[in-house]
Amino acid sequence: MYSGLLLGHPLMSECNKFLTRHKPLSHGQWLARIEQTKEFNFTPDFFNSGPSIDALEHKMATLLGKESALFVHKGMVGQNSALLQWASLTGNRKIAIHPQSHIHVDEDLAYKELLGLDAVMFGQEDQAITQADIDALPTDLSTVTVEIPTRRAGFKLPKWQDLLYLKSFSQKHKMPIHIDGARLLEAACYWNKPYDEVAALGDSVYVSLYKTLGAAAGGIVAGNKDFIEQLKPWRSRFGGDLFTAFPFVLTALWGIEHYLPRISEFHERAVTLSNLIKQKLGEDSIPNPVQCNGFIVQLPINADLLEERALSLAKERKIWLFDRIFAEGLNASRFEIQVGDALDDWQDEEVVLELLKLID
């Protein structure tokens, strides 16, 4: 899958300028952020109970237009809980997932090996789902899962009309939809839809708290009140009852206040930056349409050589460009740019210049 994983490399901690995601924080900076939250003096939470967690769940339920929301310390806990509960309610253990979905690719097949769920592959490699994919679905599923965007397919998003078609299809056949919306907030900008309208497509929806919202960790699962209440035992079974979760919760609340208003800005920056990269480095440099704040860049350089040059840049000039490298044959490499506040330190022209130096 990956030819190189650089995230967490020792040189990263020595850098002071970053290109992708939000700027990484030191322990002291995390603590300072926590102290800045309006909820800092709330009574501490214990085992998922406390006023700060209540505030977070209420804010996210309101944002997503759902009756209720549940905090989880890790998205895998929330999503697996939802899949198991839908299986329990429907009496069926077969789910539909994209072959490049996070659930299939990044969790060591937990849905199969740990949960005992069967999967039907839904959609095509390197593509978002289409109406044809929906028509090919069996009608005896416990859950249809949709990742928006599908990151491993290149941050691909379906057409809005296709999602409406899926909603109609699922209702007709009485099959719930679960949205893996780790990046739902970013995706909404592409369709120019409010967050609650996108979330309304799903009977349950997961949203990450640590990606664009910048929390230390954690996520939210939202849905109707009864369903969310039914997830609490599953969360406990997955080891989700942390003694206290305040670093995750308070940094998520900080992110809702400070990062949420910037999401459309991040989206627009992704579009303008990618357009300049394409203009200066050629059409092949941006292989996929840019639909949210994350996109793929391709350079005509061997992956090993690209890694060597990127690490040299980190060592010599304290600049960290990207976290992972994908090999595309012998003389091409790909990497992700996910626009966050790290790009506040860059002009688009500076980014292009550094990329040109890598392949010179």
Protein backbone atom coordinates (compact mmCIF):
# COMPACT_ATOMS: atom_id res chain seq x y z
CA MET A 1 0.00 0.00 0.00
CA TYR A 2 2.63 2.54 1.06
CA SER A 3 6.20 2.63 -0.16
CA GLY A 4 7.23 4.87 2.70
CA LEU A 5 5.84 6.03 6.04
CA LEU A 6 7.58 9.14 7.34
CA LEU A 7 5.10 10.27 10.00
CA GLY A 8 6.83 10.12 13.37
CA HIS A 9 10.36 10.07 11.90
CA PRO A 10 12.85 11.55 14.40
CA LEU A 11 13.64 14.41 12.01
CA MET A 12 10.01 15.52 12.10
CA SER A 13 10.34 16.69 15.70
CA GLU A 14 13.27 18.92 14.70
CA CYS A 15 11.30 20.79 12.03
CA ASN A 16 9.60 24.15 12.46
CA LYS A 17 7.75 24.46 9.16
CA PHE A 18 5.19 21.94 7.92
CA LEU A 19 3.19 21.61 4.73
CA THR A 20 0.35 19.20 5.45
CA ARG A 21 -2.37 19.00 8.13
CA HIS A 22 -2.32 21.22 11.20
CA LYS A 23 0.97 22.18 12.80
CA PRO A 24 2.07 19.48 15.24
CA LEU A 25 2.05 20.60 18.86
CA SER A 26 4.46 20.02 21.71
CA HIS A 27 3.18 18.75 25.04
CA GLY A 28 3.32 22.29 26.36
CA GLN A 29 1.36 23.63 23.41
CA TRP A 30 -1.33 20.98 23.89
CA LEU A 31 -1.62 21.94 27.55
CA ALA A 32 -1.85 25.64 26.66
CA ARG A 33 -4.62 24.89 24.16
CA ILE A 34 -6.55 22.97 26.80
CA GLU A 35 -6.28 25.92 29.17
CA GLN A 36 -7.75 28.19 26.49
CA THR A 37 -11.02 26.29 26.22
CA LYS A 38 -14.16 27.80 27.69
CA GLU A 39 -14.84 24.47 29.39
CA PHE A 40 -11.45 24.30 31.13
CA ASN A 41 -12.92 24.76 34.62
CA PHE A 42 -15.73 22.26 34.14
CA THR A 43 -15.85 19.30 36.50
CA PRO A 44 -13.57 16.57 35.08
CA ASP A 45 -15.12 13.67 33.19
CA PHE A 46 -14.92 10.10 34.44
CA PHE A 47 -15.75 7.01 32.35
CA ASN A 48 -17.42 9.08 29.59
CA SER A 49 -19.55 11.07 32.00
CA GLY A 50 -19.13 14.77 32.68
CA PRO A 51 -20.20 18.24 31.59
CA SER A 52 -17.42 18.70 29.03
CA ILE A 53 -18.37 15.46 27.25
CA ASP A 54 -22.03 16.48 27.44
CA ALA A 55 -21.13 19.82 25.84
CA LEU A 56 -19.12 18.16 23.07
CA GLU A 57 -21.80 15.60 22.26
CA HIS A 58 -24.49 18.27 22.21
CA LYS A 59 -22.48 20.55 19.91
CA MET A 60 -21.73 17.74 17.47
CA ALA A 61 -25.29 16.38 17.46
CA THR A 62 -26.56 19.88 16.70
CA LEU A 63 -23.95 20.43 14.00
CA LEU A 64 -24.90 17.16 12.31
CA GLY A 65 -28.63 17.56 12.77
CA LYS A 66 -28.96 14.33 14.75
CA GLU A 67 -30.92 13.61 17.92
CA SER A 68 -27.90 12.37 19.82
CA ALA A 69 -24.14 11.88 19.62
CA LEU A 70 -21.65 9.65 21.39
CA PHE A 71 -18.00 10.46 22.10
CA VAL A 72 -15.50 7.67 21.38
CA HIS A 73 -11.77 7.81 22.01
CA LYS A 74 -11.04 6.17 18.65
CA GLY A 75 -13.01 6.05 15.41
CA MET A 76 -12.57 2.29 15.09
CA VAL A 77 -14.46 1.86 18.37
CA GLY A 78 -17.34 4.05 17.22
CA GLN A 79 -17.69 2.62 13.74
CA ASN A 80 -17.41 -1.02 14.80
CA SER A 81 -19.97 -0.37 17.52
CA ALA A 82 -22.37 1.06 14.94
CA LEU A 83 -21.83 -1.84 12.51
CA LEU A 84 -22.42 -4.39 15.25
CA GLN A 85 -25.54 -2.68 16.48
CA TRP A 86 -27.02 -2.50 12.98
CA ALA A 87 -26.23 -6.19 12.58
CA SER A 88 -27.99 -6.88 15.88
CA LEU A 89 -31.07 -4.86 14.88
CA THR A 90 -31.37 -6.36 11.41
CA GLY A 91 -30.39 -9.92 12.30
CA ASN A 92 -27.90 -9.85 9.44
CA ARG A 93 -24.08 -9.79 9.53
CA LYS A 94 -23.36 -8.73 5.95
CA ILE A 95 -22.17 -5.20 5.24
CA ALA A 96 -21.24 -3.29 2.08
CA ILE A 97 -17.92 -1.42 2.03
CA HIS A 98 -15.70 0.16 -0.59
CA PRO A 99 -12.60 -1.96 -1.41
CA GLN A 100 -10.39 1.00 -0.43
CA SER A 101 -12.42 2.08 2.57
CA HIS A 102 -10.72 2.79 5.87
CA ILE A 103 -12.75 -0.02 7.42
CA HIS A 104 -11.36 -2.54 4.94
CA VAL A 105 -7.81 -1.27 4.44
CA ASP A 106 -6.64 0.30 7.69
CA GLU A 107 -8.01 -1.85 10.51
CA ASP A 108 -6.48 -5.25 9.76
CA LEU A 109 -9.89 -6.60 8.69
CA ALA A 110 -11.31 -6.11 12.18
CA TYR A 111 -14.86 -6.24 10.80
CA LYS A 112 -14.18 -9.83 9.72
CA GLU A 113 -11.62 -11.19 12.18
CA LEU A 114 -12.92 -9.49 15.32
CA LEU A 115 -16.59 -8.79 14.63
CA GLY A 116 -17.43 -11.77 12.43
CA LEU A 117 -19.06 -9.59 9.77
CA ASP A 118 -19.10 -10.49 6.09
CA ALA A 119 -18.41 -7.81 3.51
CA VAL A 120 -19.64 -7.14 0.01
CA MET A 121 -17.29 -4.85 -1.90
CA PHE A 122 -19.20 -1.74 -2.93
CA GLY A 123 -17.63 0.43 -5.63
CA GLN A 124 -14.57 0.29 -7.84
CA GLU A 125 -10.87 0.77 -7.09
CA ASP A 126 -9.77 4.41 -7.29
CA GLN A 127 -13.34 5.60 -7.89
CA ALA A 128 -16.17 7.02 -5.83
CA ILE A 129 -19.40 5.06 -5.75
CA THR A 130 -21.81 5.49 -8.67
CA GLN A 131 -25.44 4.71 -9.41
CA ALA A 132 -24.29 1.57 -11.22
CA ASP A 133 -22.54 0.40 -8.04
CA ILE A 134 -25.70 1.00 -6.06
CA ASP A 135 -27.82 -0.96 -8.53
CA ALA A 136 -25.40 -3.89 -8.14
CA LEU A 137 -25.85 -4.05 -4.35
CA PRO A 138 -27.58 -7.07 -2.83
CA THR A 139 -30.67 -6.25 -0.83
CA ASP A 140 -29.98 -8.40 2.24
CA LEU A 141 -27.40 -6.19 3.94
CA SER A 142 -27.31 -5.14 7.58
CA THR A 143 -25.58 -1.88 6.64
CA VAL A 144 -24.39 0.01 3.59
CA THR A 145 -21.29 1.98 4.53
CA VAL A 146 -20.10 5.03 2.61
CA GLU A 147 -16.78 6.78 3.27
CA ILE A 148 -16.88 10.45 2.27
CA PRO A 149 -14.39 11.15 0.92
CA THR A 150 -12.75 7.80 0.19
CA ARG A 151 -9.21 8.71 1.13
CA ARG A 152 -7.39 5.68 -0.27
CA ALA A 153 -9.09 6.22 -3.62
CA GLY A 154 -7.58 9.72 -3.74
CA PHE A 155 -10.07 11.64 -1.58
CA LYS A 156 -12.85 10.83 -4.06
CA LEU A 157 -16.44 12.02 -3.48
CA PRO A 158 -19.60 10.69 -5.13
CA LYS A 159 -21.99 12.91 -7.03
CA TRP A 160 -24.68 14.33 -4.76
CA GLN A 161 -27.42 12.83 -6.92
CA ASP A 162 -25.83 9.40 -6.51
CA LEU A 163 -25.94 9.76 -2.74
CA LEU A 164 -29.60 10.71 -2.91
CA TYR A 165 -30.17 7.65 -5.09
CA LEU A 166 -28.41 5.50 -2.49
CA LYS A 167 -30.63 6.93 0.24
CA SER A 168 -33.74 6.08 -1.75
CA PHE A 169 -32.38 2.60 -2.51
CA SER A 170 -31.62 1.90 1.14
CA GLN A 171 -35.02 3.08 2.29
CA LYS A 172 -36.77 0.96 -0.32
CA HIS A 173 -34.94 -2.16 0.83
CA LYS A 174 -34.93 -1.22 4.54
CA MET A 175 -31.12 -1.25 4.78
CA PRO A 176 -29.55 1.43 7.02
CA ILE A 177 -26.70 3.60 5.78
CA HIS A 178 -23.67 4.22 7.96
CA ILE A 179 -21.51 7.15 6.87
CA ASP A 180 -17.81 6.95 7.60
CA GLY A 181 -17.63 10.71 7.65
CA ALA A 182 -14.21 11.10 9.25
CA ARG A 183 -13.82 14.02 6.82
CA LEU A 184 -17.52 14.79 6.34
CA LEU A 185 -17.09 18.43 7.38
CA GLU A 186 -14.50 18.96 4.66
CA ALA A 187 -16.54 17.08 2.05
CA ALA A 188 -19.63 19.22 2.58
CA CYS A 189 -17.88 22.20 1.00
CA TYR A 190 -17.61 20.42 -2.35
CA TRP A 191 -21.36 19.91 -2.61
CA ASN A 192 -22.03 23.32 -1.06
CA LYS A 193 -24.29 21.63 1.46
CA PRO A 194 -24.70 22.29 5.20
CA TYR A 195 -23.27 19.61 7.46
CA ASP A 196 -26.65 18.42 8.68
CA GLU A 197 -27.92 17.87 5.13
CA VAL A 198 -24.94 15.64 4.38
CA ALA A 199 -25.30 13.79 7.68
CA ALA A 200 -29.01 13.27 6.99
CA LEU A 201 -28.05 10.80 4.28
CA GLY A 202 -26.92 8.38 6.97
CA ASP A 203 -28.89 6.56 9.64
CA SER A 204 -25.67 6.74 11.63
CA VAL A 205 -22.61 8.86 10.97
CA TYR A 206 -19.07 8.96 12.29
CA VAL A 207 -17.01 12.18 12.29
CA SER A 208 -13.38 12.47 13.34
CA LEU A 209 -12.48 14.98 16.02
CA TYR A 210 -8.72 14.91 15.43
CA LYS A 211 -8.49 15.51 11.69
CA THR A 212 -9.60 18.98 10.59
CA LEU A 213 -11.06 19.77 14.03
CA GLY A 214 -7.59 19.21 15.46
CA ALA A 215 -8.37 17.34 18.68
CA ALA A 216 -5.70 15.24 20.35
CA ALA A 217 -7.75 12.15 19.41
CA GLY A 218 -11.30 10.87 19.30
CA GLY A 219 -14.48 10.88 17.28
CA ILE A 220 -18.25 11.15 17.38
CA VAL A 221 -20.98 8.77 16.27
CA ALA A 222 -24.35 10.44 15.77
CA GLY A 223 -27.85 9.18 15.06
CA ASN A 224 -31.25 8.87 16.64
CA LYS A 225 -31.41 8.81 20.42
CA ASP A 226 -32.33 5.14 20.84
CA PHE A 227 -29.59 3.93 18.49
CA ILE A 228 -26.90 6.02 20.17
CA GLU A 229 -27.97 4.78 23.59
CA GLN A 230 -27.62 1.20 22.27
CA LEU A 231 -23.99 1.88 21.31
CA LYS A 232 -22.85 2.50 24.87
CA PRO A 233 -22.47 -1.20 25.81
CA TRP A 234 -20.51 -1.79 22.59
CA ARG A 235 -18.22 1.13 23.40
CA SER A 236 -17.55 -0.42 26.79
CA ARG A 237 -16.89 -3.85 25.24
CA PHE A 238 -14.29 -2.28 22.97
CA GLY A 239 -12.46 -0.73 25.92
CA GLY A 240 -13.85 2.73 25.33
CA ASP A 241 -14.64 3.62 28.94
CA LEU A 242 -11.57 5.72 29.65
CA PHE A 243 -11.02 6.82 33.25
CA THR A 244 -10.85 10.37 31.91
CA ALA A 245 -10.77 11.73 28.37
CA PHE A 246 -10.43 15.45 29.02
CA PRO A 247 -7.40 16.04 26.73
CA PHE A 248 -9.38 14.64 23.78
CA VAL A 249 -12.62 16.36 24.72
CA LEU A 250 -11.27 19.82 25.52
CA THR A 251 -9.06 19.98 22.43
CA ALA A 252 -12.08 18.94 20.34
CA LEU A 253 -14.08 21.80 21.85
CA TRP A 254 -11.19 24.15 21.03
CA GLY A 255 -11.25 22.88 17.47
CA ILE A 256 -14.97 23.46 17.09
CA GLU A 257 -14.45 27.08 18.08
CA HIS A 258 -11.28 27.78 16.10
CA TYR A 259 -10.98 25.30 13.20
CA LEU A 260 -14.62 24.69 12.27
CA PRO A 261 -15.08 28.28 10.98
CA ARG A 262 -12.03 27.79 8.72
CA ILE A 263 -13.07 24.60 6.94
CA SER A 264 -14.36 26.37 3.82
CA GLU A 265 -11.11 28.37 3.78
CA PHE A 266 -9.08 25.15 3.89
CA HIS A 267 -11.15 23.81 0.99
CA GLU A 268 -10.60 26.93 -1.10
CA ARG A 269 -6.87 26.88 -0.38
CA ALA A 270 -6.68 23.26 -1.55
CA VAL A 271 -8.27 24.27 -4.86
CA THR A 272 -6.00 27.27 -5.47
CA LEU A 273 -2.82 25.47 -4.42
CA SER A 274 -3.57 22.40 -6.53
CA ASN A 275 -4.34 24.59 -9.54
CA LEU A 276 -0.97 26.32 -9.22
CA ILE A 277 0.85 23.00 -8.83
CA LYS A 278 -0.85 21.73 -11.97
CA GLN A 279 0.01 24.92 -13.84
CA LYS A 280 3.69 24.81 -12.90
CA LEU A 281 4.35 21.06 -12.81
CA GLY A 282 1.94 19.78 -15.46
CA GLU A 283 -1.42 18.02 -15.61
CA ASP A 284 -0.02 14.76 -14.25
CA SER A 285 1.00 16.45 -11.00
CA ILE A 286 -2.63 16.50 -9.77
CA PRO A 287 -4.00 13.11 -10.88
CA ASN A 288 -7.46 13.45 -9.31
CA PRO A 289 -10.01 16.28 -9.21
CA VAL A 290 -9.60 18.20 -5.95
CA GLN A 291 -12.90 17.94 -4.08
CA CYS A 292 -12.06 18.64 -0.44
CA ASN A 293 -9.13 19.89 1.60
CA GLY A 294 -7.10 16.74 0.92
CA PHE A 295 -5.58 15.86 -2.43
CA ILE A 296 -2.85 13.80 -4.11
CA VAL A 297 0.28 15.23 -5.74
CA GLN A 298 2.35 13.16 -8.18
CA LEU A 299 5.99 13.91 -8.98
CA PRO A 300 8.23 12.33 -11.66
CA ILE A 301 10.76 10.92 -9.21
CA ASN A 302 11.55 7.53 -7.73
CA ALA A 303 10.01 7.03 -4.29
CA ASP A 304 13.31 6.16 -2.58
CA LEU A 305 14.98 9.25 -4.03
CA LEU A 306 12.02 11.43 -3.04
CA GLU A 307 12.22 10.15 0.53
CA GLU A 308 15.96 10.80 0.63
CA ARG A 309 15.53 14.38 -0.59
CA ALA A 310 12.59 15.08 1.71
CA LEU A 311 14.55 13.91 4.74
CA SER A 312 17.54 15.97 3.67
CA LEU A 313 15.29 19.02 3.51
CA ALA A 314 14.03 18.25 7.00
CA LYS A 315 17.55 17.86 8.34
CA GLU A 316 19.12 20.87 6.63
CA ARG A 317 16.30 23.43 6.56
CA LYS A 318 13.85 22.11 9.19
CA ILE A 319 10.99 21.84 6.65
CA TRP A 320 8.63 18.85 6.76
CA LEU A 321 6.75 18.34 3.49
CA PHE A 322 4.72 15.15 3.77
CA ASP A 323 4.07 12.11 5.92
CA ARG A 324 3.79 9.23 3.45
CA ILE A 325 5.06 8.35 0.00
CA PHE A 326 3.26 6.13 -2.51
CA ALA A 327 5.38 4.53 -5.24
CA GLU A 328 3.86 4.81 -8.72
CA GLY A 329 6.21 2.64 -10.74
CA LEU A 330 9.97 3.24 -11.00
CA ASN A 331 9.96 6.96 -11.71
CA ALA A 332 6.84 8.43 -10.16
CA SER A 333 5.73 9.02 -6.59
CA ARG A 334 2.62 10.32 -4.90
CA PHE A 335 1.95 11.98 -1.58
CA GLU A 336 -0.94 13.72 0.17
CA ILE A 337 -1.45 17.33 1.05
CA GLN A 338 -4.21 17.90 3.59
CA VAL A 339 -4.75 21.61 4.05
CA GLY A 340 -4.77 22.79 7.65
CA ASP A 341 -3.18 25.61 9.59
CA ALA A 342 0.33 24.43 8.69
CA LEU A 343 -0.19 26.12 5.32
CA ASP A 344 -0.64 29.45 7.09
CA ASP A 345 3.17 29.65 7.04
CA TRP A 346 3.36 29.26 3.25
CA GLN A 347 2.56 31.15 0.09
CA ASP A 348 1.37 28.87 -2.71
CA GLU A 349 4.37 29.89 -4.82
CA GLU A 350 6.73 28.75 -2.06
CA VAL A 351 5.14 25.30 -2.06
CA VAL A 352 5.59 24.96 -5.81
CA LEU A 353 9.23 26.08 -5.58
CA GLU A 354 10.03 23.42 -2.99
CA LEU A 355 8.36 20.73 -5.09
CA LEU A 356 10.31 21.81 -8.16
CA LYS A 357 13.57 21.56 -6.17
CA LEU A 358 12.74 17.99 -5.22
CA ILE A 359 12.63 16.86 -8.86
CA ASP A 360 15.40 19.10 -10.21
